[in-house]
Structure formats: structure tokens, C-alpha cells
């Protein structure tokens, strides 16, 4: 049959996919620019710099736990990219403005005292904080002595020329057993208007701030202060995206309830294929738990010192298991219900699943599902590249620069998270938005276009919390993509969509890593690309199998 051979249609899909892959490779940086910084400082080197700073300040780190992640001052990065353009903003963030940084914490279980140190890509300390108890005893310096102490720290420890700065804030706070002082300076002549020609819209400034706790410097930060109006506009925009995402989430919940109702109805009629549903549910649950455990080194950074260390780890494990069960139940209901409905309205769409359930991984059906899945994935990659390249140039669409580093590299097995997250998203989203939703709507409202459009929109606007502006852009982009995925589902099979979704996510995981100048990150990117090739490697042997017809398992 045409589905299991190199028909003109299949060849056309593959050729078009390769063309769009070429577009993606050549225009990727233009559509999705990566922050252009020279990240030569490794995580371990950043840790050593930070610990040297703390030890030189006279602090004893014996008994302290440590956690480090890579972070960004998002508001500053967005402000500079919006006002200066990507190229100039990248230049400023490489030299003048501390935006990208390693963020380190040193803490003890259930104790308030903590040290925080940020190290930028050049190895400079841009933030230091010593958290202490509110009631801790200390000196009661007057403002002049506090100013002298802060200025001495800036000159001799932070290597900042205070003659280039002007003081803009000064305040004191009387604690029970000491007096704290906050002092802040801004760099002279370094001002960037939020809206050109309108000073009242606010001005961004480069600042340094020092907090004197008793008679010691307890906090220092070198940062870019964004205008209040910009912050309010940004938060308002994000809130709209959050609202769209929440509406989509509510509709997904309603969809899940519908899947549960159909599941119960089909179960009473003995029309549920448990093997099919449980296979995917157990696979996803296992991957979710493994990924959660794999990510514990990164999760450690979020430890709240108000609770004991053991309780924190226990909570993480319990939450991981509970969330895995929820994912498993979700996939069980949507997968089993969708499978049953699809056998009624789109029986050909689950043929490949039949083969997999029966243990026939090497088959022509899976082989051609893989080929079409890659063709669809490559088409999508090229499509979104063109979408955002044109959107940036003609429609004012804005995407922040991508981080040149992924904290997933600090997990026990860096390759596991891309595998787990990509597969989890592919299975859960395709089961709900394609396998169940399209089959359900086709059965009960009969109109094919609406059966494709409604799930596509719900799925698309669920991504509105991503940092893309205007916030509705992702909804438009993915609604179109959802319609195309829906067509491939009803024209071919759900496995084509799952493979395409998995490959897309895996490749986007790899993109920023491959654009890095660090060899370790580049190698990690190639490992992720190798993971994206798994379906192809599994499918190719099936090319040499004869065409076969899978029986419909009751």
C-alpha cells in the first residue's frame, strides 16, 4: 500500500522536509539568536572563584553545602535587546552590563546563615550576599562610617572606581541589635531611555549597591536597573500570556475529563486495550521519575533553609512520584480513550501502535512512519524559522536571545533530560491533542476541520507563557502547526506525529549547545542530536521487511 512504500507522496514529503531543514540550519541564528557571550568559565571554575572570594573575606565554609546554576538577569537582557537591538545588546552584555552569570549558594541545613555569590562570564564577582538572622548582634554605625566602609569595599574588593559613580540612594534600618545601611550609586553618563524621546517613560542605569550589616558589608550587587514603566509593561504582557495559558489549561482539564468519561464508557463495553495504554503510561512514569532524580543536583539550588535537608529531598522524591502518577493517569485515559475512538473514526491512524503493542518494532509501517515523522519535523523546524525571521523583520515579533548554557548539563546524566522531556511532551501532547481530541470531536461534531482546529488552538495557546512577544504569536504559530500535525494524524498515523514532536523538541534542546564556543557543550549538543536519531535507527531495518497488515486487536 502507498503508506508502506516510496510513493510520490512520501518522496515529496521527504524532499520538502529536507529543503526546510536546510532553511532551518541556515536561518536558525537569525530567527533564534543565542546570546553572544564568551562563556569560557566552567561551573567548577566559577565555584572556585566564588569560594576564593568568600575565604578572602574571612568566612569559614566548613560544613556548608554548595549549589551552582547558570542564570540571567532577564529584565535587563530584555530591556537591552528591545532598546539597543540584538547585536549592540550582545556587545554591551559581554563588556559593560552583568547579565549572564553563575549563581552560587553556600548554606547549612535548617539554618538562616547563607552566602550567595554571582560570577559573570569573565570571572568577576557581580553579586555577594551574606544572609544572617534579623536579631544577630552588630555595630550601630552612623551614615558617614557606613558610607566609608561601603566605599572601601567597592574600591579595594570590587575594583570599582567610585569617582565614576554618583550616589542615588541612602537609607538606614534599625534592627533589634544592630543598624543596617543601604547605599546605591549609578554610573555617570550611562543612561538608556526606554522610549526614545520620552524621558518620562523611564531610564535604565548601571548601578552598584552595598548593604552594610552592623560593621560588615553583607551585600553587594553590580546590576542594570530597568525603568519602572518597562517593568510594569513587561509584567502586564506576561500576565496576558499567563491568562491565555490558564484558559488553555482549563480546556485541557475539560478534555481530560471527557477522556475519563469515554474511558469509563469504553471500559464497560470491554473496548479498552489495557496493554496499549499501560505500556506508554508506565514508560512515561518511569522516565519522569528518572529525570526528576537525575535533576537533583540542579534542584538542590532551590533548597529553602527553613526546613531540614532530609525533608527537602523527601519532598522532591514524593512530588516526583506523585507527578509521575498524574502523568501516567493522564496518558492512560487520553491514550486508551483515543485509541478506542480512533478505531471507530480513523482506524488506519493506530496501525503502527498495533505493531508496537504486538512486539513488531521492525516493520515497514514503523519505518515509513519514522520517515514521515522526520519529514514533518524538518518541515516544522523550517516553518518556525521562516515564521520568526519574517516576524522579526516585518511584524515586530520579539524573542529574547537564548541562553548559551543549559543547567541540564549539571545533572548526573546530561543526555537523559532531553530524552525524557522530549518523549514525555511528544506522547502526552499528541495523545491528548491529536489521538483523543480529534477522534472525539470527529465522532461527535462530524466536521473534520473543526475537529482539527479546536485541539490545535487549545494546544497552541497553552504555550503562551513562553517569552515571545506579542504573547499571542506562539498561539498563531502553533495553531497552524497543530492543523498540519492533525492532517498527518488522520492521513497517516499517530506515530508519525509522536516521532515528529519528539525530534523537534530534541533538536531545539541541542541548538544553543551546538552554537556554544565551549567544546563540552558542543559535544553534549551532538549527543542530543544522536538521541533525536533514535526513531530513525529503530525504523530503518523495517525497510527490508515485506508489507504486512496488522490485525485490529480488540
Protein backbone atom coordinates (compact mmCIF):
# COMPACT_ATOMS: atom_id res chain seq x y z
CA UNK A 1 0.00 0.00 0.00
CA UNK A 2 1.08 3.64 -0.52
CA UNK A 3 1.68 4.18 3.16
CA UNK A 4 4.37 1.49 3.26
CA UNK A 5 6.39 2.26 0.15
CA UNK A 6 8.22 5.13 -1.52
CA UNK A 7 5.20 6.61 -3.24
CA UNK A 8 5.32 10.00 -4.95
CA UNK A 9 3.57 11.47 -1.91
CA UNK A 10 6.12 10.07 0.54
CA UNK A 11 9.07 11.16 -1.59
CA UNK A 12 7.55 14.65 -1.84
CA UNK A 13 7.25 14.89 1.94
CA UNK A 14 10.86 13.80 2.42
CA UNK A 15 12.21 16.25 -0.19
CA UNK A 16 10.18 19.15 1.21
CA UNK A 17 11.32 18.22 4.71
CA UNK A 18 14.98 18.26 3.67
CA UNK A 19 14.54 21.65 1.98
CA UNK A 20 13.00 23.09 5.14
CA UNK A 21 15.78 21.51 7.23
CA UNK A 22 18.28 23.39 5.06
CA UNK A 23 16.34 26.60 5.73
CA UNK A 24 16.38 25.89 9.47
CA UNK A 25 20.14 25.26 9.56
CA UNK A 26 20.95 28.41 7.59
CA UNK A 27 18.50 30.81 9.24
CA UNK A 28 18.45 29.41 12.78
CA UNK A 29 20.71 32.07 14.30
CA UNK A 30 18.73 34.83 12.60
CA UNK A 31 15.40 33.52 13.88
CA UNK A 32 16.55 32.31 17.30
CA UNK A 33 19.70 34.26 18.21
CA UNK A 34 21.79 32.85 21.01
CA UNK A 35 23.32 35.29 23.46
CA UNK A 36 26.74 36.08 22.05
CA UNK A 37 28.98 35.74 25.09
CA UNK A 38 32.31 34.04 25.51
CA UNK A 39 31.38 31.51 28.19
CA UNK A 40 34.82 30.06 28.83
CA UNK A 41 34.37 29.92 32.60
CA UNK A 42 33.17 26.46 33.61
CA UNK A 43 30.89 25.71 36.52
CA UNK A 44 33.79 24.39 38.61
CA UNK A 45 35.94 27.45 37.82
CA UNK A 46 33.08 29.74 38.83
CA UNK A 47 32.74 27.83 42.10
CA UNK A 48 36.46 28.21 42.80
CA UNK A 49 36.33 31.96 42.09
CA UNK A 50 33.37 32.40 44.41
CA UNK A 51 34.86 30.33 47.24
CA UNK A 52 38.17 32.20 46.96
CA UNK A 53 36.26 35.47 47.29
CA UNK A 54 34.44 34.26 50.42
CA UNK A 55 37.57 32.83 52.04
CA UNK A 56 39.49 36.05 51.33
CA UNK A 57 36.68 37.88 53.13
CA UNK A 58 37.41 35.75 56.18
CA UNK A 59 34.47 33.36 56.03
CA UNK A 60 34.85 29.69 57.01
CA UNK A 61 32.87 27.47 54.62
CA UNK A 62 33.39 24.27 56.59
CA UNK A 63 30.12 22.36 56.84
CA UNK A 64 28.35 24.41 54.16
CA UNK A 65 26.56 22.74 51.26
CA UNK A 66 27.04 24.27 47.81
CA UNK A 67 24.86 24.59 44.70
CA UNK A 68 25.54 26.49 41.47
CA UNK A 69 23.34 27.17 38.46
CA UNK A 70 23.65 29.37 35.39
CA UNK A 71 21.27 32.33 35.43
CA UNK A 72 20.34 35.59 33.78
CA UNK A 73 19.00 38.99 34.77
CA UNK A 74 16.04 38.55 32.44
CA UNK A 75 14.57 42.04 32.75
CA UNK A 76 17.93 43.66 31.94
CA UNK A 77 18.53 41.34 28.98
CA UNK A 78 15.06 42.03 27.56
CA UNK A 79 15.41 45.79 28.06
CA UNK A 80 18.76 45.97 26.29
CA UNK A 81 17.66 43.73 23.41
CA UNK A 82 14.45 45.73 22.92
CA UNK A 83 16.10 49.17 23.06
CA UNK A 84 19.52 48.51 21.52
CA UNK A 85 18.92 45.68 19.09
CA UNK A 86 20.42 42.23 19.35
CA UNK A 87 23.93 42.97 18.07
CA UNK A 88 24.59 46.02 20.25
CA UNK A 89 22.92 44.43 23.27
CA UNK A 90 25.17 41.37 22.96
CA UNK A 91 28.22 43.64 22.86
CA UNK A 92 27.05 45.51 25.97
CA UNK A 93 26.29 42.28 27.85
CA UNK A 94 29.77 40.95 27.04
CA UNK A 95 31.54 44.01 28.45
CA UNK A 96 29.60 46.58 30.47
CA UNK A 97 26.39 45.06 31.77
CA UNK A 98 26.45 41.98 34.05
CA UNK A 99 23.53 39.91 32.76
CA UNK A 100 24.70 36.31 32.36
CA UNK A 101 26.20 34.77 35.47
CA UNK A 102 26.92 31.70 37.53
CA UNK A 103 24.80 31.84 40.70
CA UNK A 104 26.24 30.08 43.74
CA UNK A 105 24.79 29.32 47.16
CA UNK A 106 26.52 28.08 50.34
CA UNK A 107 24.14 27.03 53.09
CA UNK A 108 23.54 24.70 56.04
CA UNK A 109 20.50 22.57 56.75
CA UNK A 110 17.75 24.47 58.60
CA UNK A 111 19.98 27.49 59.32
CA UNK A 112 19.36 31.08 58.22
CA UNK A 113 23.00 31.92 57.57
CA UNK A 114 23.83 31.63 53.89
CA UNK A 115 26.25 33.02 51.31
CA UNK A 116 25.31 33.88 47.74
CA UNK A 117 27.88 34.80 45.09
CA UNK A 118 27.37 35.53 41.39
CA UNK A 119 30.28 35.23 38.96
CA UNK A 120 29.99 36.66 35.45
CA UNK A 121 31.37 35.08 32.26
CA UNK A 122 34.65 36.95 32.76
CA UNK A 123 35.19 35.61 36.27
CA UNK A 124 34.25 38.87 38.03
CA UNK A 125 32.13 38.88 41.19
CA UNK A 126 28.92 40.78 40.41
CA UNK A 127 26.90 39.88 43.50
CA UNK A 128 27.62 38.89 47.07
CA UNK A 129 25.18 38.38 49.90
CA UNK A 130 25.60 37.17 53.47
CA UNK A 131 22.22 36.26 54.93
CA UNK A 132 22.08 36.45 58.72
CA UNK A 133 19.46 36.34 61.48
CA UNK A 134 17.45 39.52 61.99
CA UNK A 135 18.38 39.51 65.66
CA UNK A 136 22.12 38.93 65.17
CA UNK A 137 24.20 41.40 67.14
CA UNK A 138 26.27 44.00 65.33
CA UNK A 139 27.51 47.57 65.42
CA UNK A 140 25.38 50.70 65.16
CA UNK A 141 27.41 52.74 62.69
CA UNK A 142 26.32 56.22 61.65
CA UNK A 143 25.77 57.01 57.96
CA UNK A 144 29.24 58.51 57.43
CA UNK A 145 31.08 55.47 58.80
CA UNK A 146 28.80 53.11 56.85
CA UNK A 147 29.49 55.11 53.68
CA UNK A 148 33.25 54.89 54.25
CA UNK A 149 33.02 51.12 54.80
CA UNK A 150 30.94 50.62 51.64
CA UNK A 151 33.20 52.84 49.52
CA UNK A 152 36.29 50.98 50.73
CA UNK A 153 34.68 47.67 49.72
CA UNK A 154 33.84 48.98 46.24
CA UNK A 155 37.36 50.27 45.62
CA UNK A 156 39.52 47.58 47.22
CA UNK A 157 37.37 44.45 46.87
CA UNK A 158 35.02 45.01 43.93
CA UNK A 159 37.62 47.02 41.93
CA UNK A 160 35.11 49.76 41.13
CA UNK A 161 36.21 53.35 40.51
CA UNK A 162 33.74 55.25 42.69
CA UNK A 163 34.72 58.57 41.10
CA UNK A 164 32.77 57.46 38.02
CA UNK A 165 29.61 56.97 40.09
CA UNK A 166 27.13 59.25 41.81
CA UNK A 167 25.10 58.24 44.89
CA UNK A 168 21.37 57.94 44.25
CA UNK A 169 20.04 56.13 47.34
CA UNK A 170 20.91 56.01 51.02
CA UNK A 171 18.83 54.61 53.86
CA UNK A 172 19.22 53.12 57.32
CA UNK A 173 17.25 50.44 59.15
CA UNK A 174 17.44 49.93 62.92
CA UNK A 175 17.36 46.26 63.87
CA UNK A 176 16.97 44.94 67.41
CA UNK A 177 20.71 44.50 67.92
CA UNK A 178 22.37 46.46 65.11
CA UNK A 179 21.87 49.11 62.42
CA UNK A 180 21.90 48.24 58.70
CA UNK A 181 22.57 50.72 55.90
CA UNK A 182 21.70 50.56 52.20
CA UNK A 183 23.74 52.66 49.77
CA UNK A 184 23.43 52.77 46.00
CA UNK A 185 25.31 54.51 43.20
CA UNK A 186 24.75 54.83 39.45
CA UNK A 187 27.37 55.13 36.72
CA UNK A 188 27.67 58.68 35.40
CA UNK A 189 26.54 59.19 31.82
CA UNK A 190 25.29 55.62 31.40
CA UNK A 191 21.59 56.09 30.71
CA UNK A 192 19.33 54.30 28.24
CA UNK A 193 15.81 55.56 27.60
CA UNK A 194 13.01 53.00 27.47
CA UNK A 195 11.20 55.01 24.81
CA UNK A 196 13.39 57.28 22.71
CA UNK A 197 12.43 60.94 23.06
CA UNK A 198 10.28 60.33 26.14
CA UNK A 199 12.34 60.66 29.35
CA UNK A 200 9.20 60.19 31.46
CA UNK A 201 8.98 56.60 30.21
CA UNK A 202 12.00 55.87 32.35
CA UNK A 203 15.74 55.41 32.03
CA UNK A 204 17.84 52.29 32.51
CA UNK A 205 21.01 52.79 34.54
CA UNK A 206 24.04 50.75 35.54
CA UNK A 207 24.28 50.61 39.33
CA UNK A 208 26.19 49.23 42.29
CA UNK A 209 24.56 48.73 45.67
CA UNK A 210 26.02 47.88 49.06
CA UNK A 211 24.30 46.82 52.28
CA UNK A 212 26.23 47.32 55.49
CA UNK A 213 25.07 44.94 58.24
CA UNK A 214 26.38 46.24 61.54
CA UNK A 215 30.04 46.85 60.80
CA UNK A 216 30.48 44.49 57.82
CA UNK A 217 29.45 44.53 54.17
CA UNK A 218 26.67 41.95 53.99
CA UNK A 219 25.55 42.53 50.43
CA UNK A 220 26.98 43.88 47.18
CA UNK A 221 25.49 43.83 43.71
CA UNK A 222 26.51 45.26 40.36
CA UNK A 223 23.43 45.35 38.15
CA UNK A 224 21.46 47.09 35.44
CA UNK A 225 18.34 48.78 36.84
CA UNK A 226 15.44 48.78 34.40
CA UNK A 227 12.81 51.56 34.44
CA UNK A 228 9.61 51.01 36.40
CA UNK A 229 7.42 51.62 33.34
CA UNK A 230 9.27 48.92 31.41
CA UNK A 231 8.91 46.50 34.32
CA UNK A 232 5.17 47.19 34.56
CA UNK A 233 4.67 46.76 30.80
CA UNK A 234 6.69 43.55 30.81
CA UNK A 235 4.77 42.10 33.76
CA UNK A 236 1.46 43.12 32.18
CA UNK A 237 2.43 41.39 28.94
CA UNK A 238 3.48 38.27 30.82
CA UNK A 239 0.21 38.28 32.74
CA UNK A 240 -1.73 38.23 29.45
CA UNK A 241 0.33 35.24 28.37
CA UNK A 242 -0.33 33.58 31.72
CA UNK A 243 -4.07 34.18 31.29
CA UNK A 244 -4.05 32.62 27.81
CA UNK A 245 -2.09 29.68 29.17
CA UNK A 246 -4.53 29.23 32.06
CA UNK A 247 -7.53 29.29 29.73
CA UNK A 248 -5.84 26.63 27.63
CA UNK A 249 -5.08 24.64 30.78
CA UNK A 250 -8.75 24.75 31.82
CA UNK A 251 -9.77 23.50 28.38
CA UNK A 252 -7.15 20.73 28.64
CA UNK A 253 -8.63 19.76 32.01
CA UNK A 254 -12.09 19.59 30.42
CA UNK A 255 -10.58 17.45 27.67
CA UNK A 256 -9.08 15.15 30.30
CA UNK A 257 -12.50 14.85 31.99
CA UNK A 258 -14.03 13.96 28.62
CA UNK A 259 -11.31 11.35 28.14
CA UNK A 260 -12.12 9.90 31.56
CA UNK A 261 -15.84 9.70 30.73
CA UNK A 262 -15.11 7.99 27.40
CA UNK A 263 -12.68 5.68 29.18
CA UNK A 264 -15.38 4.56 31.63
CA UNK A 265 -17.93 4.10 28.85
CA UNK A 266 -15.50 2.06 26.75
CA UNK A 267 -14.37 0.05 29.77
CA UNK A 268 -17.95 -1.00 30.47
CA UNK A 269 -18.14 -2.24 26.88
CA UNK A 270 -14.80 -4.06 27.22
CA UNK A 271 -13.40 -1.81 24.50
CA UNK A 272 -10.20 -0.67 26.25
CA UNK A 273 -6.82 -2.06 25.18
CA UNK A 274 -5.00 -2.07 28.51
CA UNK A 275 -1.70 -3.22 27.05
CA UNK A 276 -1.53 -0.24 24.72
CA UNK A 277 -2.42 2.35 27.37
CA UNK A 278 -0.34 0.90 30.18
CA UNK A 279 2.76 0.47 28.02
CA UNK A 280 3.01 4.18 27.32
CA UNK A 281 1.83 5.24 30.79
CA UNK A 282 4.46 3.12 32.56
CA UNK A 283 7.19 4.26 30.14
CA UNK A 284 6.44 7.93 30.74
CA UNK A 285 6.12 7.49 34.51
CA UNK A 286 9.48 5.75 34.66
CA UNK A 287 11.17 8.41 32.53
CA UNK A 288 9.64 11.22 34.60
CA UNK A 289 10.87 9.74 37.88
CA UNK A 290 14.33 9.05 36.43
CA UNK A 291 14.58 12.59 35.05
CA UNK A 292 13.49 14.06 38.40
CA UNK A 293 16.15 12.06 40.23
CA UNK A 294 18.68 12.95 37.53
CA UNK A 295 17.94 16.66 38.08
CA UNK A 296 18.52 16.63 41.84
CA UNK A 297 21.88 18.49 41.53
CA UNK A 298 20.03 21.39 39.88
CA UNK A 299 17.04 21.14 42.24
CA UNK A 300 19.47 21.49 45.15
CA UNK A 301 19.85 25.18 44.30
CA UNK A 302 16.22 25.76 45.30
CA UNK A 303 16.60 24.34 48.81
CA UNK A 304 14.75 26.56 51.36
CA UNK A 305 16.80 26.69 54.54
CA UNK A 306 13.65 26.92 56.70
CA UNK A 307 13.31 23.12 56.51
CA UNK A 308 15.78 20.31 57.09
CA UNK A 309 17.84 18.95 54.24
CA UNK A 310 16.36 15.46 54.57
CA UNK A 311 12.78 16.76 54.48
CA UNK A 312 13.62 18.76 51.33
CA UNK A 313 14.91 15.69 49.49
CA UNK A 314 11.95 13.67 50.71
CA UNK A 315 9.52 16.27 49.38
CA UNK A 316 11.26 16.27 45.99
CA UNK A 317 11.03 12.49 45.69
CA UNK A 318 7.37 12.38 46.78
CA UNK A 319 6.44 15.20 44.38
CA UNK A 320 8.30 13.45 41.55
CA UNK A 321 6.47 10.17 42.16
CA UNK A 322 3.09 11.89 42.55
CA UNK A 323 3.59 13.97 39.39
CA UNK A 324 4.68 10.83 37.52
CA UNK A 325 1.48 9.08 38.58
CA UNK A 326 -0.60 12.05 37.39
CA UNK A 327 1.19 11.98 34.03
CA UNK A 328 0.66 8.24 33.83
CA UNK A 329 -3.06 8.52 34.57
CA UNK A 330 -3.37 11.35 32.03
CA UNK A 331 -1.70 9.26 29.35
CA UNK A 332 -3.70 6.19 30.35
CA UNK A 333 -7.06 7.94 29.96
CA UNK A 334 -6.28 10.00 26.84
CA UNK A 335 -4.33 7.19 25.18
CA UNK A 336 -6.81 4.39 25.87
CA UNK A 337 -9.85 6.55 25.07
CA UNK A 338 -8.21 7.97 21.96
CA UNK A 339 -7.17 4.52 20.81
CA UNK A 340 -10.73 3.22 21.16
CA UNK A 341 -12.27 6.22 19.39
CA UNK A 342 -9.65 6.15 16.63
CA UNK A 343 -10.51 2.55 15.84
CA UNK A 344 -14.01 3.84 15.07
CA UNK A 345 -13.28 7.00 13.09
CA UNK A 346 -9.63 6.75 11.93
CA UNK A 347 -8.65 3.05 12.13
CA UNK A 348 -5.52 3.46 9.99
CA UNK A 349 -4.12 6.05 12.42
CA UNK A 350 -3.20 3.41 15.02
CA UNK A 351 -1.77 0.68 12.78
CA UNK A 352 1.81 1.34 13.88
CA UNK A 353 0.76 1.26 17.52
CA UNK A 354 -0.77 -2.16 16.87
CA UNK A 355 2.58 -3.40 15.59
CA UNK A 356 4.46 -2.00 18.59
CA UNK A 357 1.99 -3.48 21.06
CA UNK A 358 2.38 -6.86 19.36
CA UNK A 359 6.16 -6.56 19.65
CA UNK A 360 6.81 -5.79 15.95
CA UNK A 361 9.17 -2.84 16.25
CA UNK A 362 10.88 -3.72 12.98
CA UNK A 363 8.18 -3.24 10.36
CA UNK A 364 7.63 -1.27 7.19
CA UNK A 365 4.80 0.62 8.86
CA UNK A 366 7.11 1.90 11.61
CA UNK A 367 9.85 2.61 9.06
CA UNK A 368 7.64 4.84 6.93
CA UNK A 369 6.04 6.42 9.99
CA UNK A 370 9.59 7.38 11.02
CA UNK A 371 10.43 8.79 7.59
CA UNK A 372 7.27 10.86 7.52
CA UNK A 373 7.83 11.87 11.15
CA UNK A 374 11.27 13.24 10.32
CA UNK A 375 9.92 14.93 7.20
CA UNK A 376 7.22 16.60 9.31
CA UNK A 377 9.75 17.55 12.00
CA UNK A 378 12.12 19.09 9.44
CA UNK A 379 9.23 20.94 7.82
CA UNK A 380 8.18 22.33 11.21
CA UNK A 381 11.74 23.46 12.01
CA UNK A 382 11.97 25.30 8.70
CA UNK A 383 8.46 26.68 9.08
CA UNK A 384 9.05 28.24 12.52
CA UNK A 385 12.40 29.59 11.34
CA UNK A 386 10.73 31.38 8.42
CA UNK A 387 7.83 32.43 10.70
CA UNK A 388 10.09 34.16 13.22
CA UNK A 389 12.60 35.51 10.69
CA UNK A 390 9.77 37.21 8.80
CA UNK A 391 8.02 38.14 12.05
CA UNK A 392 11.11 39.89 13.38
CA UNK A 393 11.69 41.79 10.16
CA UNK A 394 8.17 42.83 9.19
CA UNK A 395 5.81 42.42 12.16
CA UNK A 396 7.82 43.42 15.22
CA UNK A 397 7.87 39.93 16.72
CA UNK A 398 10.44 39.69 19.50
CA UNK A 399 12.20 36.69 21.04
CA UNK A 400 14.85 37.13 23.73
CA UNK A 401 18.27 35.69 22.96
CA UNK A 402 18.64 32.08 24.05
CA UNK A 403 20.96 31.16 26.88
CA UNK A 404 24.33 29.80 25.73
CA UNK A 405 24.24 27.26 28.55
CA UNK A 406 21.77 24.70 29.82
CA UNK A 407 21.61 23.76 33.50
CA UNK A 408 20.71 20.27 32.31
CA UNK A 409 24.44 19.83 31.73
CA UNK A 410 24.87 19.83 35.50
CA UNK A 411 22.65 16.79 36.02
CA UNK A 412 24.06 13.32 36.65
CA UNK A 413 23.32 12.22 33.06
CA UNK A 414 23.02 15.34 30.85
CA UNK A 415 21.54 13.39 27.93
CA UNK A 416 18.65 11.97 29.98
CA UNK A 417 16.64 15.18 30.36
CA UNK A 418 16.38 15.93 26.61
CA UNK A 419 15.32 12.32 26.05
CA UNK A 420 12.77 12.29 28.88
CA UNK A 421 11.30 15.75 28.32
CA UNK A 422 11.07 15.34 24.55
CA UNK A 423 9.41 11.93 24.78
CA UNK A 424 7.09 12.99 27.60
CA UNK A 425 5.90 16.06 25.69
CA UNK A 426 5.54 14.11 22.44
CA UNK A 427 3.46 11.29 23.92
CA UNK A 428 1.30 13.29 26.33
CA UNK A 429 0.53 16.16 23.95
CA UNK A 430 -0.03 14.03 20.87
CA UNK A 431 -2.27 11.61 22.77
CA UNK A 432 -4.42 14.44 24.09
CA UNK A 433 -4.40 16.93 21.22
CA UNK A 434 -4.41 14.52 18.31
CA UNK A 435 -5.25 10.90 19.19
CA UNK A 436 -8.11 11.66 21.60
CA UNK A 437 -9.31 15.19 20.83
CA UNK A 438 -9.51 14.89 17.04
CA UNK A 439 -11.14 11.46 17.19
CA UNK A 440 -13.58 12.64 19.88
CA UNK A 441 -14.64 15.79 18.01
CA UNK A 442 -14.86 13.97 14.68
CA UNK A 443 -17.17 11.38 16.23
CA UNK A 444 -19.49 13.84 17.95
CA UNK A 445 -19.50 17.04 15.83
CA UNK A 446 -18.70 15.33 12.49
CA UNK A 447 -16.93 18.39 10.98
CA UNK A 448 -13.33 17.43 10.18
CA UNK A 449 -11.94 20.98 10.04
CA UNK A 450 -13.32 21.86 13.48
CA UNK A 451 -12.04 18.54 14.82
CA UNK A 452 -8.58 19.63 13.69
CA UNK A 453 -8.83 23.34 14.60
CA UNK A 454 -10.18 23.22 18.16
CA UNK A 455 -7.49 20.90 19.61
CA UNK A 456 -4.82 22.77 17.65
CA UNK A 457 -5.82 26.09 19.24
CA UNK A 458 -6.04 24.66 22.76
CA UNK A 459 -2.61 23.07 22.35
CA UNK A 460 -1.13 26.18 20.74
CA UNK A 461 -2.24 28.77 23.28
CA UNK A 462 -1.08 26.52 26.08
CA UNK A 463 2.41 27.69 25.05
CA UNK A 464 1.59 31.40 25.59
CA UNK A 465 3.72 31.63 28.73
CA UNK A 466 6.88 31.33 26.62
CA UNK A 467 8.88 34.61 26.36
CA UNK A 468 7.70 35.54 22.87
CA UNK A 469 6.19 38.96 22.20
CA UNK A 470 3.41 39.72 21.40
CA UNK A 471 2.23 36.87 23.62
CA UNK A 472 -0.37 35.63 21.13
CA UNK A 473 2.27 34.95 18.48
CA UNK A 474 3.00 31.42 19.73
CA UNK A 475 -0.71 30.71 19.62
CA UNK A 476 -0.86 31.66 15.94
CA UNK A 477 2.37 29.83 15.08
CA UNK A 478 1.35 26.59 16.78
CA UNK A 479 -2.29 26.66 15.68
CA UNK A 480 -1.04 26.44 12.10
CA UNK A 481 1.39 23.70 13.12
CA UNK A 482 -1.37 21.90 15.01
CA UNK A 483 -3.54 21.83 11.90
CA UNK A 484 -0.67 20.29 9.94
CA UNK A 485 0.00 17.73 12.66
CA UNK A 486 -3.71 16.93 12.73
CA UNK A 487 -3.71 16.34 8.99
CA UNK A 488 -0.78 13.93 9.29
CA UNK A 489 -2.63 12.11 12.07
CA UNK A 490 -5.79 11.48 10.04
CA UNK A 491 -3.89 10.95 6.78
CA UNK A 492 -1.28 8.58 8.21
CA UNK A 493 -0.98 7.66 11.90
CA UNK A 494 -0.36 8.96 15.41
CA UNK A 495 3.16 7.51 15.48
CA UNK A 496 4.19 9.92 12.71
CA UNK A 497 3.11 12.83 14.94
CA UNK A 498 4.79 11.44 18.06
CA UNK A 499 8.09 10.94 16.25
CA UNK A 500 7.94 14.42 14.69
CA UNK A 501 7.18 16.05 18.05
CA UNK A 502 9.99 14.14 19.77
CA UNK A 503 12.55 15.04 17.08
CA UNK A 504 11.57 18.73 17.13
CA UNK A 505 11.98 19.06 20.89
CA UNK A 506 15.28 17.16 20.90
CA UNK A 507 16.74 19.36 18.15
CA UNK A 508 15.69 22.55 19.92
CA UNK A 509 17.42 21.23 23.05
CA UNK A 510 20.60 20.84 21.01
CA UNK A 511 20.54 24.20 19.18
CA UNK A 512 22.03 26.52 21.84
CA UNK A 513 24.60 23.89 22.82
CA UNK A 514 25.88 23.49 19.26
CA UNK A 515 26.21 27.28 18.96
CA UNK A 516 28.42 27.46 22.06
CA UNK A 517 32.17 28.06 21.88
CA UNK A 518 32.78 25.52 24.65
CA UNK A 519 33.78 22.07 23.38
CA UNK A 520 32.00 20.25 26.23
CA UNK A 521 28.73 21.98 25.39
CA UNK A 522 29.16 21.24 21.68
CA UNK A 523 29.76 17.53 22.35
CA UNK A 524 26.66 17.49 24.57
CA UNK A 525 24.71 19.04 21.71
CA UNK A 526 25.79 16.26 19.36
CA UNK A 527 24.72 13.67 21.92
CA UNK A 528 21.25 15.24 21.97
CA UNK A 529 21.19 15.12 18.15
CA UNK A 530 22.08 11.43 18.36
CA UNK A 531 19.10 10.94 20.69
CA UNK A 532 16.90 12.62 18.07
CA UNK A 533 18.02 9.95 15.60
CA UNK A 534 16.72 7.05 17.72
CA UNK A 535 13.37 6.63 15.86
CA UNK A 536 15.19 6.62 12.52
CA UNK A 537 17.65 3.97 13.69
CA UNK A 538 14.79 1.85 15.00
CA UNK A 539 12.79 2.28 11.82
CA UNK A 540 15.35 1.74 9.05
CA UNK A 541 15.63 -2.07 9.46
CA UNK A 542 11.90 -2.27 8.72
CA UNK A 543 12.57 -1.03 5.20
CA UNK A 544 13.75 -4.52 4.32
CA UNK A 545 10.61 -6.18 5.66
CA UNK A 546 7.73 -7.02 3.37
CA UNK A 547 4.48 -5.08 3.73
CA UNK A 548 2.11 -6.62 6.21
CA UNK A 549 -1.32 -5.97 7.59
CA UNK A 550 -1.75 -5.66 11.35
CA UNK A 551 -4.83 -7.27 12.77
CA UNK A 552 -7.08 -4.97 14.76
CA UNK A 553 -6.70 -6.11 18.33
CA UNK A 554 -9.95 -5.98 20.25
